[in-house]
Amino acid sequence: MRLIALDTSLLLPGLLSAAGQRRRLLVVLAYGAASYYARFGEDEAAALEQLAEHSDTEPRGLPISDLIARAAEQKAQFEELLPVLTPNDLLLVGGAYLFDEVERKLRERGERIAKREVDSGAVVRLLQAICGSVVPPFPLTETPLHTDGRDRNDDPLIEIGLRAGAIAMVSDDRRHVSLSADAPTVYRDPMTGTQLPAYQFAPFVEEHINALHFDLGEVDPDLLRIAYR
């Protein structure tokens, strides 16, 4: 699976707009999450069963078998409606800081972007639903200055991508994160040496999405509704 990190500059229009390429990218990532959970859910179920055998805590939420069945159903719905060659190996990386930052910005400017009233909680739940991987919380005070002081609020978003081992970060923030269209801006973990290339949207799509006769423009942006289920 290929893990992808997105920052709020790209996520907000993707989540709030009814159309557009960013919305289409979120559809592809939602399809990747459904495919991942349907494919590897049985392994997760076995791990949870082993954990339950050594715990006195009752499991909460839906039974894991129901969650796997729902993921398989979503995957089938996506496959029926998406172009045949849509990649199913792209996973969106999430984390507590990302979810909080999206919710904060939705409250501040969501209605201005969407031109309608916005339920910020529902939008964040949708974002969480399409994340195929979630990084555990980490101390923000220990986050390195990845942007060299350009924007301290972006440093934890880059840190999420680095900790997840994402192959790329995609950002519409050309002043602070993805500084050039000619080549990705590369961020490094000072402790491990892990690298995270940050792309502007169009170069990322060209290099990592539009291949093998697949065109992101052929994806129906309305299919994100499947993830709501």
Protein backbone atom coordinates (compact mmCIF):
# COMPACT_ATOMS: atom_id res chain seq x y z
CA MET A 1 0.00 0.00 0.00
CA ARG A 2 1.12 3.56 -0.73
CA LEU A 3 0.52 5.96 2.14
CA ILE A 4 -0.29 9.57 1.23
CA ALA A 5 -0.40 12.61 3.53
CA LEU A 6 -2.57 15.64 2.69
CA ASP A 7 -2.58 18.97 4.45
CA THR A 8 -5.56 21.19 5.22
CA SER A 9 -5.00 23.44 2.21
CA LEU A 10 -5.98 20.51 -0.01
CA LEU A 11 -8.36 18.68 2.30
CA LEU A 12 -10.76 21.56 2.94
CA PRO A 13 -11.73 22.14 -0.72
CA GLY A 14 -11.77 18.39 -1.33
CA LEU A 15 -14.14 17.75 1.56
CA LEU A 16 -16.40 20.77 1.01
CA SER A 17 -16.62 21.07 -2.77
CA ALA A 18 -19.10 18.93 -4.67
CA ALA A 19 -16.73 18.59 -7.63
CA GLY A 20 -13.13 19.18 -8.67
CA GLN A 21 -9.94 17.17 -8.86
CA ARG A 22 -9.26 17.30 -5.13
CA ARG A 23 -12.65 15.79 -4.42
CA ARG A 24 -11.87 13.08 -6.97
CA LEU A 25 -8.59 12.32 -5.21
CA LEU A 26 -10.48 11.82 -1.94
CA VAL A 27 -12.76 9.35 -3.71
CA VAL A 28 -9.73 7.33 -4.81
CA LEU A 29 -8.33 7.42 -1.27
CA ALA A 30 -11.70 6.33 0.17
CA TYR A 31 -11.67 3.41 -2.27
CA GLY A 32 -8.15 2.55 -1.09
CA ALA A 33 -9.28 2.53 2.55
CA ALA A 34 -12.25 0.26 1.81
CA SER A 35 -10.01 -2.08 -0.20
CA TYR A 36 -7.42 -2.19 2.57
CA TYR A 37 -9.89 -2.95 5.35
CA ALA A 38 -11.70 -5.56 3.27
CA ARG A 39 -8.39 -7.24 2.36
CA PHE A 40 -6.63 -7.15 5.71
CA GLY A 41 -9.58 -7.05 8.06
CA GLU A 42 -9.37 -10.75 8.84
CA ASP A 43 -5.80 -10.32 10.11
CA GLU A 44 -6.95 -7.39 12.26
CA ALA A 45 -9.83 -9.51 13.60
CA ALA A 46 -7.49 -12.30 14.60
CA ALA A 47 -5.19 -9.84 16.38
CA LEU A 48 -8.12 -8.32 18.27
CA GLU A 49 -9.36 -11.76 19.30
CA GLN A 50 -5.95 -12.58 20.75
CA LEU A 51 -5.93 -9.27 22.59
CA ALA A 52 -9.42 -9.90 23.98
CA GLU A 53 -8.33 -13.25 25.39
CA HIS A 54 -5.87 -11.43 27.66
CA SER A 55 -8.09 -8.50 28.62
CA ASP A 56 -11.01 -8.03 30.98
CA THR A 57 -12.33 -5.07 28.98
CA GLU A 58 -15.42 -5.64 26.90
CA PRO A 59 -15.00 -4.58 23.24
CA ARG A 60 -16.99 -1.52 22.21
CA GLY A 61 -18.55 -0.59 18.88
CA LEU A 62 -19.55 -2.85 16.03
CA PRO A 63 -18.25 -6.44 15.96
CA ILE A 64 -15.15 -6.65 13.77
CA SER A 65 -16.94 -9.06 11.42
CA ASP A 66 -19.56 -6.38 10.76
CA LEU A 67 -16.88 -3.79 10.06
CA ILE A 68 -15.14 -6.11 7.59
CA ALA A 69 -18.45 -6.81 5.86
CA ARG A 70 -19.15 -3.08 5.57
CA ALA A 71 -15.73 -2.43 4.09
CA ALA A 72 -16.24 -5.23 1.56
CA GLU A 73 -19.62 -3.78 0.65
CA GLN A 74 -18.13 -0.32 0.18
CA LYS A 75 -15.30 -1.75 -1.93
CA ALA A 76 -17.83 -3.50 -4.18
CA GLN A 77 -19.84 -0.29 -4.56
CA PHE A 78 -16.75 1.67 -5.52
CA GLU A 79 -15.64 -0.97 -8.02
CA GLU A 80 -19.05 -0.94 -9.69
CA LEU A 81 -18.93 2.82 -10.27
CA LEU A 82 -15.24 3.74 -10.62
CA PRO A 83 -13.19 3.44 -13.83
CA VAL A 84 -11.74 -0.05 -14.24
CA LEU A 85 -8.11 0.95 -13.70
CA THR A 86 -8.66 3.09 -10.59
CA PRO A 87 -5.74 2.40 -8.18
CA ASN A 88 -6.82 0.70 -4.95
CA ASP A 89 -3.48 0.84 -3.11
CA LEU A 90 -3.46 4.52 -2.05
CA LEU A 91 -4.16 5.18 1.64
CA LEU A 92 -4.72 8.54 3.28
CA VAL A 93 -2.77 9.06 6.51
CA GLY A 94 -4.54 10.72 9.43
CA GLY A 95 -3.73 11.76 12.96
CA ALA A 96 -5.23 13.60 15.91
CA TYR A 97 -3.56 16.89 15.05
CA LEU A 98 -4.80 16.73 11.45
CA PHE A 99 -8.38 16.03 12.55
CA ASP A 100 -8.31 18.86 15.10
CA GLU A 101 -6.79 21.30 12.61
CA VAL A 102 -9.38 20.46 9.95
CA GLU A 103 -12.20 20.94 12.46
CA ARG A 104 -10.76 24.27 13.62
CA LYS A 105 -10.47 25.58 10.08
CA LEU A 106 -13.94 24.33 9.21
CA ARG A 107 -15.34 26.39 12.07
CA GLU A 108 -13.35 29.43 10.97
CA ARG A 109 -13.88 29.37 7.21
CA GLY A 110 -15.94 26.31 6.26
CA GLU A 111 -19.07 28.26 5.35
CA ARG A 112 -17.05 30.70 3.25
CA ILE A 113 -15.48 27.84 1.27
CA ALA A 114 -18.63 25.75 0.91
CA LYS A 115 -21.00 28.72 0.53
CA ARG A 116 -23.43 26.93 2.82
CA GLU A 117 -23.76 25.94 6.47
CA VAL A 118 -21.20 23.29 7.41
CA ASP A 119 -21.46 20.57 10.05
CA SER A 120 -17.78 20.47 11.02
CA GLY A 121 -18.20 17.32 13.11
CA ALA A 122 -19.77 15.40 10.22
CA VAL A 123 -17.02 16.52 7.84
CA VAL A 124 -14.30 15.40 10.24
CA ARG A 125 -16.02 12.03 10.65
CA LEU A 126 -15.98 11.66 6.87
CA LEU A 127 -12.27 12.46 6.85
CA GLN A 128 -11.67 9.85 9.55
CA ALA A 129 -13.68 7.31 7.54
CA ILE A 130 -11.50 7.66 4.46
CA CYS A 131 -8.19 7.44 6.35
CA GLY A 132 -6.61 4.06 5.82
CA SER A 133 -3.91 4.68 8.43
CA VAL A 134 -3.84 6.81 11.59
CA VAL A 135 -0.64 7.88 13.35
CA PRO A 136 -0.72 7.71 17.18
CA PRO A 137 -0.68 11.09 18.95
CA PHE A 138 2.72 12.64 19.65
CA PRO A 139 3.89 15.68 21.67
CA LEU A 140 3.55 18.77 19.49
CA THR A 141 6.25 20.50 21.50
CA GLU A 142 8.75 17.89 20.31
CA THR A 143 7.88 18.28 16.62
CA PRO A 144 10.92 19.41 14.62
CA LEU A 145 10.90 22.70 12.72
CA HIS A 146 10.35 20.99 9.38
CA THR A 147 9.39 24.22 7.58
CA ASP A 148 12.32 26.14 9.07
CA GLY A 149 9.94 28.59 10.71
CA ARG A 150 7.77 29.25 7.63
CA ASP A 151 4.65 27.95 9.38
CA ARG A 152 4.81 26.16 12.72
CA ASN A 153 1.25 24.87 12.24
CA ASP A 154 2.37 22.83 9.22
CA ASP A 155 5.22 21.07 11.04
CA PRO A 156 2.96 18.50 12.81
CA LEU A 157 1.23 17.69 9.50
CA ILE A 158 4.60 16.93 7.94
CA GLU A 159 5.52 14.93 11.05
CA ILE A 160 2.41 12.77 10.58
CA GLY A 161 3.54 11.90 7.07
CA LEU A 162 7.09 11.13 8.22
CA ARG A 163 5.94 8.93 11.11
CA ALA A 164 3.59 7.02 8.83
CA GLY A 165 6.29 6.37 6.26
CA ALA A 166 4.19 8.07 3.57
CA ILE A 167 5.58 8.08 0.05
CA ALA A 168 4.39 11.65 -0.49
CA MET A 169 2.66 14.65 0.97
CA VAL A 170 0.37 16.72 -1.24
CA SER A 171 -0.27 20.37 -0.49
CA ASP A 172 -1.73 23.49 -2.09
CA ASP A 173 0.35 25.61 0.30
CA ARG A 174 3.07 26.84 -2.03
CA ARG A 175 4.51 29.36 0.42
CA HIS A 176 5.20 27.00 3.30
CA VAL A 177 5.01 23.30 2.31
CA SER A 178 5.27 22.41 -1.40
CA LEU A 179 7.53 25.18 -2.61
CA SER A 180 8.02 24.24 -6.27
CA ALA A 181 6.10 22.63 -9.12
CA ASP A 182 9.35 21.50 -10.75
CA ALA A 183 10.41 19.13 -7.95
CA PRO A 184 8.97 18.06 -4.59
CA THR A 185 10.17 19.78 -1.42
CA VAL A 186 11.85 17.03 0.60
CA TYR A 187 11.48 16.90 4.39
CA ARG A 188 13.63 14.64 6.59
CA ASP A 189 13.30 13.19 10.05
CA PRO A 190 16.47 14.40 11.83
CA MET A 191 16.55 11.26 13.99
CA THR A 192 15.85 8.49 11.47
CA GLY A 193 16.70 10.08 8.15
CA THR A 194 13.25 9.18 6.76
CA GLN A 195 12.29 11.41 3.84
CA LEU A 196 8.93 12.83 2.80
CA PRO A 197 8.62 14.56 -0.60
CA ALA A 198 5.92 17.26 -0.63
CA TYR A 199 4.28 17.75 -4.02
CA GLN A 200 2.02 20.36 -5.46
CA PHE A 201 -1.25 18.81 -6.60
CA ALA A 202 -0.80 18.60 -10.38
CA PRO A 203 2.73 17.10 -10.34
CA PHE A 204 1.62 14.53 -7.76
CA VAL A 205 -1.33 13.42 -9.87
CA GLU A 206 0.87 13.20 -12.95
CA GLU A 207 3.55 11.10 -11.22
CA HIS A 208 1.52 8.89 -8.86
CA ILE A 209 -2.10 8.77 -10.09
CA ASN A 210 -2.49 9.19 -13.84
CA ALA A 211 -0.77 6.07 -15.13
CA LEU A 212 -1.69 2.87 -16.98
CA HIS A 213 -4.40 4.69 -18.97
CA PHE A 214 -6.15 5.92 -15.82
CA ASP A 215 -7.28 9.56 -15.66
CA LEU A 216 -8.35 11.07 -12.33
CA GLY A 217 -10.71 13.34 -14.26
CA GLU A 218 -12.88 10.32 -15.09
CA VAL A 219 -13.73 9.71 -11.40
CA ASP A 220 -17.21 10.80 -10.34
CA PRO A 221 -16.68 13.20 -7.39
CA ASP A 222 -20.13 12.31 -6.03
CA LEU A 223 -18.87 8.84 -5.12
CA LEU A 224 -17.45 10.19 -1.87
CA ARG A 225 -21.00 9.67 -0.55
CA ILE A 226 -20.21 5.95 -0.36
CA ALA A 227 -17.72 6.66 2.44
CA TYR A 228 -20.50 8.31 4.49
CA ARG A 229 -22.07 4.89 4.86
